[in-house]
Amino acid sequence: MRGIRAAEGLQPIRRYDDGGNVIELHPLTDDQRHEIEARAVIAEHEAKARGYAAGEWEASRATVASPHQNSLRSPVASPRSSKLKRLTPADCAASEARGYVVKGLIAPRDLVLMVAKPGGGKSTLAPSICYAIAQGRPVFGRRTKPGTVHYVPAEDGHGMKQRVHALKRTHGDAPGFNLIEGVSDLLAAVSPDRDALLQIVRADTPALVVIDTIAAAFVGLEENTSQDMSRVIDFARKLTETGAAVLLLHHPAKGIGSDGTARGHGSLDGAADVSLLLEPPGDDGAIHVRMGKNRNGPAYDSGMGFTIKSVRIGTDEDDDAIFAPVAAEVEGMSVPSA
């Protein structure tokens, strides 16, 4: 007996015998259909994350149910060697430290979200943090481990070049900071940009990769669907497999205010290791950075606040001054002890 599965197109549950004959059982209820759809999305995400080959995934798509009841089980995965390991408290105490890119904030292989409204300062703060990492310079009172940074300015490439120019004028050169220009579509089923970016990251093994922003880099993304958002998460996790942390810049959910929820399907917030919300300037004129989640340290106080300073970077064809913004750290804010 081959068992029971939901046939393609979510047809009624069917049983297959050894001769390939189909015996129709009970039609699927709406709840069962929804469960099958949800399980299929989850299973596909898990399969991709584990690096299943296409053939293995196709072979494991059958959704199995008990021959004596209508309860549905998860799709059957292809046999693979297990990585299960039993750890005692002593083993846990002897394990190596996680390491850091920005101490107490970003660790290698982390998926980090930075959320702010349009014009809220995320494309000014993010390159400032990246520049400090490339120079090995402390940022907001936190140590950084010197490393290469690849910054993808999908939303405003020209403006980001001006911001980097302003950072160079303010802090000096940083050869480890790289803009990756030309990325326009990381969502398409066949995406030369996605393949090329992954190849660059695998070859260069940067400490941090930044995608600015999700909406601009994943053109046509249906943010509210788990299927599309899982593709964003899958690609980000492929980048983290190289050892790099990945920072995604995104916008907050509409009507939520400043509670830190990223726009779109909740799987994005759930997948993040760290989430940072940029709050509008307060009475002190500073933009405060609030943590929604932090797996590398305390989440109640980021100790980060900044103002936006204009730096003159040259003149235009009319000899008028050109300015670009940089993040100026606000001193005296509390920083949790690491």
C-alpha atoms as a PDB file:
ATOM      1  CA  MET A   1       0.000   0.000   0.000  1.00  0.00           C
ATOM      2  CA  ARG A   2       1.449   3.379  -0.966  1.00  0.00           C
ATOM      3  CA  GLY A   3      -0.509   5.230   1.685  1.00  0.00           C
ATOM      4  CA  ILE A   4      -2.794   8.226   1.501  1.00  0.00           C
ATOM      5  CA  ARG A   5      -2.031  11.649   0.140  1.00  0.00           C
ATOM      6  CA  ALA A   6      -3.710  14.802  -1.097  1.00  0.00           C
ATOM      7  CA  ALA A   7      -3.459  14.749  -4.872  1.00  0.00           C
ATOM      8  CA  GLU A   8      -2.177  17.712  -6.856  1.00  0.00           C
ATOM      9  CA  GLY A   9      -4.493  20.717  -6.888  1.00  0.00           C
ATOM     10  CA  LEU A  10      -5.819  19.854  -3.411  1.00  0.00           C
ATOM     11  CA  GLN A  11      -8.248  17.208  -4.664  1.00  0.00           C
ATOM     12  CA  PRO A  12     -10.020  14.916  -2.137  1.00  0.00           C
ATOM     13  CA  ILE A  13      -7.765  12.686  -0.055  1.00  0.00           C
ATOM     14  CA  ARG A  14      -6.936   9.530  -2.032  1.00  0.00           C
ATOM     15  CA  ARG A  15      -5.417   6.139  -1.268  1.00  0.00           C
ATOM     16  CA  TYR A  16      -3.028   4.481  -3.704  1.00  0.00           C
ATOM     17  CA  ASP A  17      -2.511   0.723  -3.876  1.00  0.00           C
ATOM     18  CA  ASP A  18       0.567  -1.049  -5.216  1.00  0.00           C
ATOM     19  CA  GLY A  19      -0.943  -1.172  -8.672  1.00  0.00           C
ATOM     20  CA  GLY A  20      -1.376   2.584  -8.825  1.00  0.00           C
ATOM     21  CA  ASN A  21      -5.155   2.423  -8.470  1.00  0.00           C
ATOM     22  CA  VAL A  22      -6.794   5.311  -6.653  1.00  0.00           C
ATOM     23  CA  ILE A  23      -9.503   4.905  -4.036  1.00  0.00           C
ATOM     24  CA  GLU A  24     -11.200   8.198  -3.170  1.00  0.00           C
ATOM     25  CA  LEU A  25     -11.910   8.749   0.506  1.00  0.00           C
ATOM     26  CA  HIS A  26     -13.503  11.760   2.134  1.00  0.00           C
ATOM     27  CA  PRO A  27     -13.452  15.137   0.337  1.00  0.00           C
ATOM     28  CA  LEU A  28     -11.232  17.754   1.927  1.00  0.00           C
ATOM     29  CA  THR A  29     -12.904  20.277   4.196  1.00  0.00           C
ATOM     30  CA  ASP A  30     -11.902  23.940   3.990  1.00  0.00           C
ATOM     31  CA  ASP A  31      -9.867  23.553   7.182  1.00  0.00           C
ATOM     32  CA  GLN A  32      -7.999  20.587   5.716  1.00  0.00           C
ATOM     33  CA  ARG A  33      -7.282  22.498   2.515  1.00  0.00           C
ATOM     34  CA  HIS A  34      -5.869  25.398   4.519  1.00  0.00           C
ATOM     35  CA  GLU A  35      -3.778  23.012   6.586  1.00  0.00           C
ATOM     36  CA  ILE A  36      -2.361  21.345   3.480  1.00  0.00           C
ATOM     37  CA  GLU A  37      -1.458  24.718   1.980  1.00  0.00           C
ATOM     38  CA  ALA A  38       0.207  25.870   5.194  1.00  0.00           C
ATOM     39  CA  ARG A  39       2.131  22.619   5.609  1.00  0.00           C
ATOM     40  CA  ALA A  40       3.272  22.715   1.994  1.00  0.00           C
ATOM     41  CA  VAL A  41       4.696  26.233   2.415  1.00  0.00           C
ATOM     42  CA  ILE A  42       6.454  25.304   5.659  1.00  0.00           C
ATOM     43  CA  ALA A  43       7.810  22.065   4.228  1.00  0.00           C
ATOM     44  CA  GLU A  44       9.100  23.762   1.097  1.00  0.00           C
ATOM     45  CA  HIS A  45      10.850  26.437   3.181  1.00  0.00           C
ATOM     46  CA  GLU A  46      12.451  23.779   5.385  1.00  0.00           C
ATOM     47  CA  ALA A  47      13.449  21.676   2.394  1.00  0.00           C
ATOM     48  CA  LYS A  48      15.132  24.595   0.676  1.00  0.00           C
ATOM     49  CA  ALA A  49      16.871  25.614   3.890  1.00  0.00           C
ATOM     50  CA  ARG A  50      18.347  22.114   4.171  1.00  0.00           C
ATOM     51  CA  GLY A  51      19.511  22.210   0.580  1.00  0.00           C
ATOM     52  CA  TYR A  52      17.285  19.495  -0.836  1.00  0.00           C
ATOM     53  CA  ALA A  53      17.897  18.858  -4.511  1.00  0.00           C
ATOM     54  CA  ALA A  54      14.943  19.528  -6.780  1.00  0.00           C
ATOM     55  CA  GLY A  55      14.368  15.832  -7.357  1.00  0.00           C
ATOM     56  CA  GLU A  56      14.407  15.076  -3.647  1.00  0.00           C
ATOM     57  CA  TRP A  57      11.861  17.802  -2.980  1.00  0.00           C
ATOM     58  CA  GLU A  58       9.514  16.589  -5.716  1.00  0.00           C
ATOM     59  CA  ALA A  59       9.756  13.076  -4.305  1.00  0.00           C
ATOM     60  CA  SER A  60       8.828  14.286  -0.837  1.00  0.00           C
ATOM     61  CA  ARG A  61       5.766  16.375  -1.650  1.00  0.00           C
ATOM     62  CA  ALA A  62       3.188  13.721  -0.748  1.00  0.00           C
ATOM     63  CA  THR A  63       1.087  14.690   2.251  1.00  0.00           C
ATOM     64  CA  VAL A  64       0.333  11.585   4.296  1.00  0.00           C
ATOM     65  CA  ALA A  65      -2.699  10.835   6.435  1.00  0.00           C
ATOM     66  CA  SER A  66      -3.629   7.868   8.595  1.00  0.00           C
ATOM     67  CA  PRO A  67      -5.636   5.221   6.660  1.00  0.00           C
ATOM     68  CA  HIS A  68      -8.126   5.179   9.511  1.00  0.00           C
ATOM     69  CA  GLN A  69      -8.735   8.896  10.025  1.00  0.00           C
ATOM     70  CA  ASN A  70      -8.727  12.264   8.287  1.00  0.00           C
ATOM     71  CA  SER A  71      -5.863  13.828  10.295  1.00  0.00           C
ATOM     72  CA  LEU A  72      -3.077  15.125   8.058  1.00  0.00           C
ATOM     73  CA  ARG A  73       0.622  14.727   8.630  1.00  0.00           C
ATOM     74  CA  SER A  74       3.573  16.746   7.377  1.00  0.00           C
ATOM     75  CA  PRO A  75       5.120  15.948   3.977  1.00  0.00           C
ATOM     76  CA  VAL A  76       7.509  13.005   4.070  1.00  0.00           C
ATOM     77  CA  ALA A  77      11.116  14.134   3.682  1.00  0.00           C
ATOM     78  CA  SER A  78      13.716  12.163   1.780  1.00  0.00           C
ATOM     79  CA  PRO A  79      16.005  10.110   4.035  1.00  0.00           C
ATOM     80  CA  ARG A  80      19.090  12.084   5.068  1.00  0.00           C
ATOM     81  CA  SER A  81      21.752  11.671   7.704  1.00  0.00           C
ATOM     82  CA  SER A  82      20.735  13.167  11.023  1.00  0.00           C
ATOM     83  CA  LYS A  83      22.695  15.903  12.814  1.00  0.00           C
ATOM     84  CA  LEU A  84      21.035  15.337  16.160  1.00  0.00           C
ATOM     85  CA  LYS A  85      23.357  15.716  19.132  1.00  0.00           C
ATOM     86  CA  ARG A  86      22.726  15.347  22.846  1.00  0.00           C
ATOM     87  CA  LEU A  87      24.236  18.154  24.952  1.00  0.00           C
ATOM     88  CA  THR A  88      24.487  18.156  28.721  1.00  0.00           C
ATOM     89  CA  PRO A  89      24.629  21.382  30.773  1.00  0.00           C
ATOM     90  CA  ALA A  90      28.406  20.868  30.986  1.00  0.00           C
ATOM     91  CA  ASP A  91      28.602  20.624  27.184  1.00  0.00           C
ATOM     92  CA  CYS A  92      26.639  23.854  26.865  1.00  0.00           C
ATOM     93  CA  ALA A  93      28.903  25.624  29.372  1.00  0.00           C
ATOM     94  CA  ALA A  94      31.991  24.507  27.427  1.00  0.00           C
ATOM     95  CA  SER A  95      30.682  25.610  24.018  1.00  0.00           C
ATOM     96  CA  GLU A  96      32.447  28.404  22.158  1.00  0.00           C
ATOM     97  CA  ALA A  97      31.223  31.971  22.313  1.00  0.00           C
ATOM     98  CA  ARG A  98      29.035  33.008  19.402  1.00  0.00           C
ATOM     99  CA  GLY A  99      31.350  35.766  18.209  1.00  0.00           C
ATOM    100  CA  TYR A 100      30.284  39.183  16.994  1.00  0.00           C
ATOM    101  CA  VAL A 101      30.306  41.656  14.146  1.00  0.00           C
ATOM    102  CA  VAL A 102      28.991  44.431  16.411  1.00  0.00           C
ATOM    103  CA  LYS A 103      29.323  43.274  20.010  1.00  0.00           C
ATOM    104  CA  GLY A 104      26.032  42.593  21.714  1.00  0.00           C
ATOM    105  CA  LEU A 105      24.136  43.505  18.558  1.00  0.00           C
ATOM    106  CA  ILE A 106      25.108  41.572  15.399  1.00  0.00           C
ATOM    107  CA  ALA A 107      26.720  38.136  15.259  1.00  0.00           C
ATOM    108  CA  PRO A 108      28.000  36.139  12.270  1.00  0.00           C
ATOM    109  CA  ARG A 109      25.181  34.425  10.316  1.00  0.00           C
ATOM    110  CA  ASP A 110      22.535  36.658  11.893  1.00  0.00           C
ATOM    111  CA  LEU A 111      19.495  37.874   9.986  1.00  0.00           C
ATOM    112  CA  VAL A 112      18.906  41.474  11.098  1.00  0.00           C
ATOM    113  CA  LEU A 113      15.926  43.714  10.333  1.00  0.00           C
ATOM    114  CA  MET A 114      16.100  47.507  10.436  1.00  0.00           C
ATOM    115  CA  VAL A 115      12.631  49.021  10.203  1.00  0.00           C
ATOM    116  CA  ALA A 116      11.745  52.669   9.655  1.00  0.00           C
ATOM    117  CA  LYS A 117       9.241  54.765   7.773  1.00  0.00           C
ATOM    118  CA  PRO A 118      10.350  56.298   4.460  1.00  0.00           C
ATOM    119  CA  GLY A 119      12.727  59.134   5.283  1.00  0.00           C
ATOM    120  CA  GLY A 120      13.149  57.747   8.803  1.00  0.00           C
ATOM    121  CA  GLY A 121      16.951  57.526   8.656  1.00  0.00           C
ATOM    122  CA  LYS A 122      17.584  53.836   7.966  1.00  0.00           C
ATOM    123  CA  SER A 123      19.588  54.508   4.782  1.00  0.00           C
ATOM    124  CA  THR A 124      21.720  56.946   6.774  1.00  0.00           C
ATOM    125  CA  LEU A 125      22.245  54.814   9.879  1.00  0.00           C
ATOM    126  CA  ALA A 126      22.902  51.508   8.093  1.00  0.00           C
ATOM    127  CA  PRO A 127      25.891  52.706   6.011  1.00  0.00           C
ATOM    128  CA  SER A 128      27.312  54.482   9.074  1.00  0.00           C
ATOM    129  CA  ILE A 129      27.295  51.212  11.041  1.00  0.00           C
ATOM    130  CA  CYS A 130      28.744  49.373   8.046  1.00  0.00           C
ATOM    131  CA  TYR A 131      31.528  51.923   7.624  1.00  0.00           C
ATOM    132  CA  ALA A 132      32.514  51.492  11.279  1.00  0.00           C
ATOM    133  CA  ILE A 133      32.672  47.700  10.798  1.00  0.00           C
ATOM    134  CA  ALA A 134      34.852  48.100   7.703  1.00  0.00           C
ATOM    135  CA  GLN A 135      37.245  50.291   9.717  1.00  0.00           C
ATOM    136  CA  GLY A 136      37.087  48.234  12.905  1.00  0.00           C
ATOM    137  CA  ARG A 137      35.925  51.355  14.727  1.00  0.00           C
ATOM    138  CA  PRO A 138      33.509  51.272  17.696  1.00  0.00           C
ATOM    139  CA  VAL A 139      29.954  52.321  16.919  1.00  0.00           C
ATOM    140  CA  PHE A 140      27.529  53.568  19.568  1.00  0.00           C
ATOM    141  CA  GLY A 141      29.985  52.497  22.245  1.00  0.00           C
ATOM    142  CA  ARG A 142      30.121  48.900  20.982  1.00  0.00           C
ATOM    143  CA  ARG A 143      33.181  47.093  19.704  1.00  0.00           C
ATOM    144  CA  THR A 144      33.198  45.990  16.090  1.00  0.00           C
ATOM    145  CA  LYS A 145      35.238  43.208  14.556  1.00  0.00           C
ATOM    146  CA  PRO A 146      36.935  44.542  11.396  1.00  0.00           C
ATOM    147  CA  GLY A 147      35.541  42.948   8.280  1.00  0.00           C
ATOM    148  CA  THR A 148      34.430  43.480   4.709  1.00  0.00           C
ATOM    149  CA  VAL A 149      30.939  44.857   4.125  1.00  0.00           C
ATOM    150  CA  HIS A 150      28.901  44.504   0.932  1.00  0.00           C
ATOM    151  CA  TYR A 151      26.109  47.082   0.698  1.00  0.00           C
ATOM    152  CA  VAL A 152      23.367  46.654  -1.937  1.00  0.00           C
ATOM    153  CA  PRO A 153      21.765  50.103  -2.561  1.00  0.00           C
ATOM    154  CA  ALA A 154      18.784  48.849  -4.569  1.00  0.00           C
ATOM    155  CA  GLU A 155      16.603  51.834  -3.628  1.00  0.00           C
ATOM    156  CA  ASP A 156      18.911  54.781  -4.377  1.00  0.00           C
ATOM    157  CA  GLY A 157      22.330  53.925  -5.751  1.00  0.00           C
ATOM    158  CA  HIS A 158      23.329  57.502  -6.597  1.00  0.00           C
ATOM    159  CA  GLY A 159      22.282  58.843  -3.219  1.00  0.00           C
ATOM    160  CA  MET A 160      24.170  56.057  -1.440  1.00  0.00           C
ATOM    161  CA  LYS A 161      27.365  56.912  -3.309  1.00  0.00           C
ATOM    162  CA  GLN A 162      27.022  60.447  -1.959  1.00  0.00           C
ATOM    163  CA  ARG A 163      26.487  59.122   1.583  1.00  0.00           C
ATOM    164  CA  VAL A 164      29.614  56.974   1.310  1.00  0.00           C
ATOM    165  CA  HIS A 165      31.520  60.009   0.041  1.00  0.00           C
ATOM    166  CA  ALA A 166      30.354  61.917   3.127  1.00  0.00           C
ATOM    167  CA  LEU A 167      31.434  59.044   5.389  1.00  0.00           C
ATOM    168  CA  LYS A 168      34.875  59.040   3.773  1.00  0.00           C
ATOM    169  CA  ARG A 169      35.209  62.764   4.405  1.00  0.00           C
ATOM    170  CA  THR A 170      34.120  62.310   8.006  1.00  0.00           C
ATOM    171  CA  HIS A 171      35.982  59.137   9.004  1.00  0.00           C
ATOM    172  CA  GLY A 172      38.656  58.579   6.353  1.00  0.00           C
ATOM    173  CA  ASP A 173      38.950  55.748   3.863  1.00  0.00           C
ATOM    174  CA  ALA A 174      37.522  52.252   4.399  1.00  0.00           C
ATOM    175  CA  PRO A 175      38.704  49.859   1.649  1.00  0.00           C
ATOM    176  CA  GLY A 176      36.633  47.057   3.151  1.00  0.00           C
ATOM    177  CA  PHE A 177      33.359  48.885   2.443  1.00  0.00           C
ATOM    178  CA  ASN A 178      31.883  47.992  -0.947  1.00  0.00           C
ATOM    179  CA  LEU A 179      28.753  49.113  -2.751  1.00  0.00           C
ATOM    180  CA  ILE A 180      27.331  46.376  -4.974  1.00  0.00           C
ATOM    181  CA  GLU A 181      25.624  48.294  -7.765  1.00  0.00           C
ATOM    182  CA  GLY A 182      23.178  47.040 -10.374  1.00  0.00           C
ATOM    183  CA  VAL A 183      20.921  44.799  -8.289  1.00  0.00           C
ATOM    184  CA  SER A 184      17.366  45.291  -9.520  1.00  0.00           C
ATOM    185  CA  ASP A 185      15.532  41.975  -9.080  1.00  0.00           C
ATOM    186  CA  LEU A 186      16.217  39.271  -6.512  1.00  0.00           C
ATOM    187  CA  LEU A 187      12.711  37.796  -6.672  1.00  0.00           C
ATOM    188  CA  ALA A 188      12.329  36.451 -10.227  1.00  0.00           C
ATOM    189  CA  ALA A 189      12.411  32.672 -10.672  1.00  0.00           C
ATOM    190  CA  VAL A 190      15.388  33.158 -12.972  1.00  0.00           C
ATOM    191  CA  SER A 191      17.395  36.038 -11.526  1.00  0.00           C
ATOM    192  CA  PRO A 192      20.939  36.772 -12.761  1.00  0.00           C
ATOM    193  CA  ASP A 193      21.195  39.370  -9.978  1.00  0.00           C
ATOM    194  CA  ARG A 194      20.481  36.786  -7.281  1.00  0.00           C
ATOM    195  CA  ASP A 195      22.965  34.293  -8.692  1.00  0.00           C
ATOM    196  CA  ALA A 196      25.661  36.942  -9.143  1.00  0.00           C
ATOM    197  CA  LEU A 197      25.218  38.404  -5.657  1.00  0.00           C
ATOM    198  CA  LEU A 198      25.388  34.968  -4.062  1.00  0.00           C
ATOM    199  CA  GLN A 199      28.523  34.187  -6.054  1.00  0.00           C
ATOM    200  CA  ILE A 200      30.181  37.464  -4.962  1.00  0.00           C
ATOM    201  CA  VAL A 201      29.348  36.860  -1.301  1.00  0.00           C
ATOM    202  CA  ARG A 202      30.617  33.269  -1.427  1.00  0.00           C
ATOM    203  CA  ALA A 203      33.869  34.422  -3.005  1.00  0.00           C
ATOM    204  CA  ASP A 204      34.489  37.446  -0.745  1.00  0.00           C
ATOM    205  CA  THR A 205      33.062  36.072   2.553  1.00  0.00           C
ATOM    206  CA  PRO A 206      32.146  39.519   3.940  1.00  0.00           C
ATOM    207  CA  ALA A 207      31.251  40.043   7.593  1.00  0.00           C
ATOM    208  CA  LEU A 208      28.006  41.795   6.667  1.00  0.00           C
ATOM    209  CA  VAL A 209      25.712  42.061   3.638  1.00  0.00           C
ATOM    210  CA  VAL A 210      23.083  44.818   3.512  1.00  0.00           C
ATOM    211  CA  ILE A 211      20.032  44.887   1.229  1.00  0.00           C
ATOM    212  CA  ASP A 212      18.510  48.372   1.040  1.00  0.00           C
ATOM    213  CA  THR A 213      15.524  47.893   0.778  1.00  0.00           C
ATOM    214  CA  ILE A 214      13.487  44.671   0.573  1.00  0.00           C
ATOM    215  CA  ALA A 215      10.840  46.379  -1.575  1.00  0.00           C
ATOM    216  CA  ALA A 216      13.398  47.777  -4.024  1.00  0.00           C
ATOM    217  CA  ALA A 217      15.495  44.613  -4.317  1.00  0.00           C
ATOM    218  CA  PHE A 218      12.609  42.110  -4.541  1.00  0.00           C
ATOM    219  CA  VAL A 219      10.513  43.812  -7.201  1.00  0.00           C
ATOM    220  CA  GLY A 220       6.910  42.590  -7.363  1.00  0.00           C
ATOM    221  CA  LEU A 221       7.081  41.011  -3.917  1.00  0.00           C
ATOM    222  CA  GLU A 222       3.672  40.147  -2.454  1.00  0.00           C
ATOM    223  CA  GLU A 223       4.717  41.047   1.081  1.00  0.00           C
ATOM    224  CA  ASN A 224       1.597  39.698   2.761  1.00  0.00           C
ATOM    225  CA  THR A 225       1.949  36.169   1.408  1.00  0.00           C
ATOM    226  CA  SER A 226       4.009  33.534   3.149  1.00  0.00           C
ATOM    227  CA  GLN A 227       5.162  32.133  -0.206  1.00  0.00           C
ATOM    228  CA  ASP A 228       6.830  35.348  -1.387  1.00  0.00           C
ATOM    229  CA  MET A 229       8.183  36.334   2.002  1.00  0.00           C
ATOM    230  CA  SER A 230       9.686  32.863   2.398  1.00  0.00           C
ATOM    231  CA  ARG A 231      11.673  33.510  -0.786  1.00  0.00           C
ATOM    232  CA  VAL A 232      13.171  36.622   0.806  1.00  0.00           C
ATOM    233  CA  ILE A 233      14.031  34.666   3.949  1.00  0.00           C
ATOM    234  CA  ASP A 234      15.428  31.735   1.936  1.00  0.00           C
ATOM    235  CA  PHE A 235      17.772  33.995  -0.014  1.00  0.00           C
ATOM    236  CA  ALA A 236      18.899  35.853   3.114  1.00  0.00           C
ATOM    237  CA  ARG A 237      19.660  32.530   4.789  1.00  0.00           C
ATOM    238  CA  LYS A 238      21.653  31.370   1.760  1.00  0.00           C
ATOM    239  CA  LEU A 239      23.796  34.474   2.242  1.00  0.00           C
ATOM    240  CA  THR A 240      24.218  33.763   5.962  1.00  0.00           C
ATOM    241  CA  GLU A 241      25.430  30.241   5.145  1.00  0.00           C
ATOM    242  CA  THR A 242      28.668  31.894   3.960  1.00  0.00           C
ATOM    243  CA  GLY A 243      29.240  33.145   7.513  1.00  0.00           C
ATOM    244  CA  ALA A 244      28.040  36.686   6.804  1.00  0.00           C
ATOM    245  CA  ALA A 245      25.406  38.483   8.810  1.00  0.00           C
ATOM    246  CA  VAL A 246      22.622  39.935   6.644  1.00  0.00           C
ATOM    247  CA  LEU A 247      20.887  43.250   7.322  1.00  0.00           C
ATOM    248  CA  LEU A 248      17.556  43.849   5.565  1.00  0.00           C
ATOM    249  CA  LEU A 249      16.114  47.361   5.486  1.00  0.00           C
ATOM    250  CA  HIS A 250      12.333  47.474   5.475  1.00  0.00           C
ATOM    251  CA  HIS A 251       9.269  49.561   6.317  1.00  0.00           C
ATOM    252  CA  PRO A 252       6.887  49.185   9.281  1.00  0.00           C
ATOM    253  CA  ALA A 253       3.392  47.804   9.039  1.00  0.00           C
ATOM    254  CA  LYS A 254       0.781  50.427   8.257  1.00  0.00           C
ATOM    255  CA  GLY A 255      -1.359  51.611  11.119  1.00  0.00           C
ATOM    256  CA  ILE A 256       0.843  49.932  13.716  1.00  0.00           C
ATOM    257  CA  GLY A 257       2.808  53.004  14.680  1.00  0.00           C
ATOM    258  CA  SER A 258       6.140  52.314  16.320  1.00  0.00           C
ATOM    259  CA  ASP A 259       5.673  48.831  17.750  1.00  0.00           C
ATOM    260  CA  GLY A 260       8.484  47.450  15.607  1.00  0.00           C
ATOM    261  CA  THR A 261       6.448  45.151  13.389  1.00  0.00           C
ATOM    262  CA  ALA A 262       7.858  44.876   9.878  1.00  0.00           C
ATOM    263  CA  ARG A 263       5.447  45.328   6.989  1.00  0.00           C
ATOM    264  CA  GLY A 264       4.120  42.160   5.375  1.00  0.00           C
ATOM    265  CA  HIS A 265       3.859  38.547   6.457  1.00  0.00           C
ATOM    266  CA  GLY A 266       4.833  37.826  10.063  1.00  0.00           C
ATOM    267  CA  SER A 267       7.323  35.129   9.032  1.00  0.00           C
ATOM    268  CA  LEU A 268       9.892  37.871   8.379  1.00  0.00           C
ATOM    269  CA  ASP A 269       9.800  39.111  11.972  1.00  0.00           C
ATOM    270  CA  GLY A 270       9.812  35.526  13.167  1.00  0.00           C
ATOM    271  CA  ALA A 271      12.908  34.628  11.136  1.00  0.00           C
ATOM    272  CA  ALA A 272      14.968  37.624  12.301  1.00  0.00           C
ATOM    273  CA  ASP A 273      17.633  37.214  14.976  1.00  0.00           C
ATOM    274  CA  VAL A 274      17.708  40.962  15.646  1.00  0.00           C
ATOM    275  CA  SER A 275      15.144  43.643  14.833  1.00  0.00           C
ATOM    276  CA  LEU A 276      15.775  47.369  15.133  1.00  0.00           C
ATOM    277  CA  LEU A 277      13.091  50.047  14.959  1.00  0.00           C
ATOM    278  CA  LEU A 278      14.014  53.658  14.216  1.00  0.00           C
ATOM    279  CA  GLU A 279      11.644  55.916  16.108  1.00  0.00           C
ATOM    280  CA  PRO A 280      10.878  59.482  14.988  1.00  0.00           C
ATOM    281  CA  PRO A 281      12.951  62.240  16.641  1.00  0.00           C
ATOM    282  CA  GLY A 282      11.939  63.019  20.203  1.00  0.00           C
ATOM    283  CA  ASP A 283      12.271  66.195  22.248  1.00  0.00           C
ATOM    284  CA  ASP A 284      16.059  65.858  22.129  1.00  0.00           C
ATOM    285  CA  GLY A 285      15.962  65.901  18.328  1.00  0.00           C
ATOM    286  CA  ALA A 286      17.544  62.436  18.129  1.00  0.00           C
ATOM    287  CA  ILE A 287      16.295  59.392  16.271  1.00  0.00           C
ATOM    288  CA  HIS A 288      16.227  56.581  18.818  1.00  0.00           C
ATOM    289  CA  VAL A 289      16.847  52.957  17.894  1.00  0.00           C
ATOM    290  CA  ARG A 290      14.621  50.531  19.771  1.00  0.00           C
ATOM    291  CA  MET A 291      15.104  46.779  19.760  1.00  0.00           C
ATOM    292  CA  GLY A 292      12.198  44.481  19.076  1.00  0.00           C
ATOM    293  CA  LYS A 293      14.381  41.360  19.363  1.00  0.00           C
ATOM    294  CA  ASN A 294      18.034  40.679  20.135  1.00  0.00           C
ATOM    295  CA  ARG A 295      19.519  37.195  20.392  1.00  0.00           C
ATOM    296  CA  ASN A 296      22.960  38.635  21.136  1.00  0.00           C
ATOM    297  CA  GLY A 297      22.220  40.701  24.209  1.00  0.00           C
ATOM    298  CA  PRO A 298      19.595  42.719  26.100  1.00  0.00           C
ATOM    299  CA  ALA A 299      16.693  43.910  23.971  1.00  0.00           C
ATOM    300  CA  TYR A 300      15.257  46.519  26.318  1.00  0.00           C
ATOM    301  CA  ASP A 301      17.733  49.301  25.494  1.00  0.00           C
ATOM    302  CA  SER A 302      19.861  49.556  22.371  1.00  0.00           C
ATOM    303  CA  GLY A 303      21.836  52.523  23.700  1.00  0.00           C
ATOM    304  CA  MET A 304      21.686  53.954  20.194  1.00  0.00           C
ATOM    305  CA  GLY A 305      20.509  57.365  19.118  1.00  0.00           C
ATOM    306  CA  PHE A 306      21.624  59.685  16.352  1.00  0.00           C
ATOM    307  CA  THR A 307      20.982  62.895  14.531  1.00  0.00           C
ATOM    308  CA  ILE A 308      21.446  63.429  10.811  1.00  0.00           C
ATOM    309  CA  LYS A 309      24.310  65.740   9.933  1.00  0.00           C
ATOM    310  CA  SER A 310      24.880  67.257   6.495  1.00  0.00           C
ATOM    311  CA  VAL A 311      28.424  66.993   5.138  1.00  0.00           C
ATOM    312  CA  ARG A 312      29.637  69.034   2.196  1.00  0.00           C
ATOM    313  CA  ILE A 313      31.063  66.678  -0.424  1.00  0.00           C
ATOM    314  CA  GLY A 314      31.709  69.073  -3.326  1.00  0.00           C
ATOM    315  CA  THR A 315      30.025  71.432  -5.773  1.00  0.00           C
ATOM    316  CA  ASP A 316      27.774  70.944  -8.783  1.00  0.00           C
ATOM    317  CA  GLU A 317      28.056  72.354 -12.307  1.00  0.00           C
ATOM    318  CA  ASP A 318      26.745  75.689 -11.052  1.00  0.00           C
ATOM    319  CA  ASP A 319      29.344  75.795  -8.296  1.00  0.00           C
ATOM    320  CA  ASP A 320      26.661  75.265  -5.658  1.00  0.00           C
ATOM    321  CA  ALA A 321      27.548  73.124  -2.656  1.00  0.00           C
ATOM    322  CA  ILE A 322      26.501  69.465  -2.574  1.00  0.00           C
ATOM    323  CA  PHE A 323      25.693  67.951   0.807  1.00  0.00           C
ATOM    324  CA  ALA A 324      25.072  64.369   1.902  1.00  0.00           C
ATOM    325  CA  PRO A 325      23.773  63.017   5.231  1.00  0.00           C
ATOM    326  CA  VAL A 326      25.695  61.007   7.805  1.00  0.00           C
ATOM    327  CA  ALA A 327      24.566  59.674  11.170  1.00  0.00           C
ATOM    328  CA  ALA A 328      26.027  61.593  14.116  1.00  0.00           C
ATOM    329  CA  GLU A 329      25.920  59.519  17.302  1.00  0.00           C
ATOM    330  CA  VAL A 330      24.264  61.065  20.347  1.00  0.00           C
ATOM    331  CA  GLU A 331      26.592  60.772  23.310  1.00  0.00           C
ATOM    332  CA  GLY A 332      25.546  59.916  26.833  1.00  0.00           C
ATOM    333  CA  MET A 333      22.908  57.314  25.966  1.00  0.00           C
ATOM    334  CA  SER A 334      22.937  54.140  28.033  1.00  0.00           C
ATOM    335  CA  VAL A 335      24.562  51.036  26.620  1.00  0.00           C
ATOM    336  CA  PRO A 336      23.686  47.694  28.263  1.00  0.00           C
ATOM    337  CA  SER A 337      26.719  45.923  29.696  1.00  0.00           C
ATOM    338  CA  ALA A 338      27.629  42.955  27.497  1.00  0.00           C
END
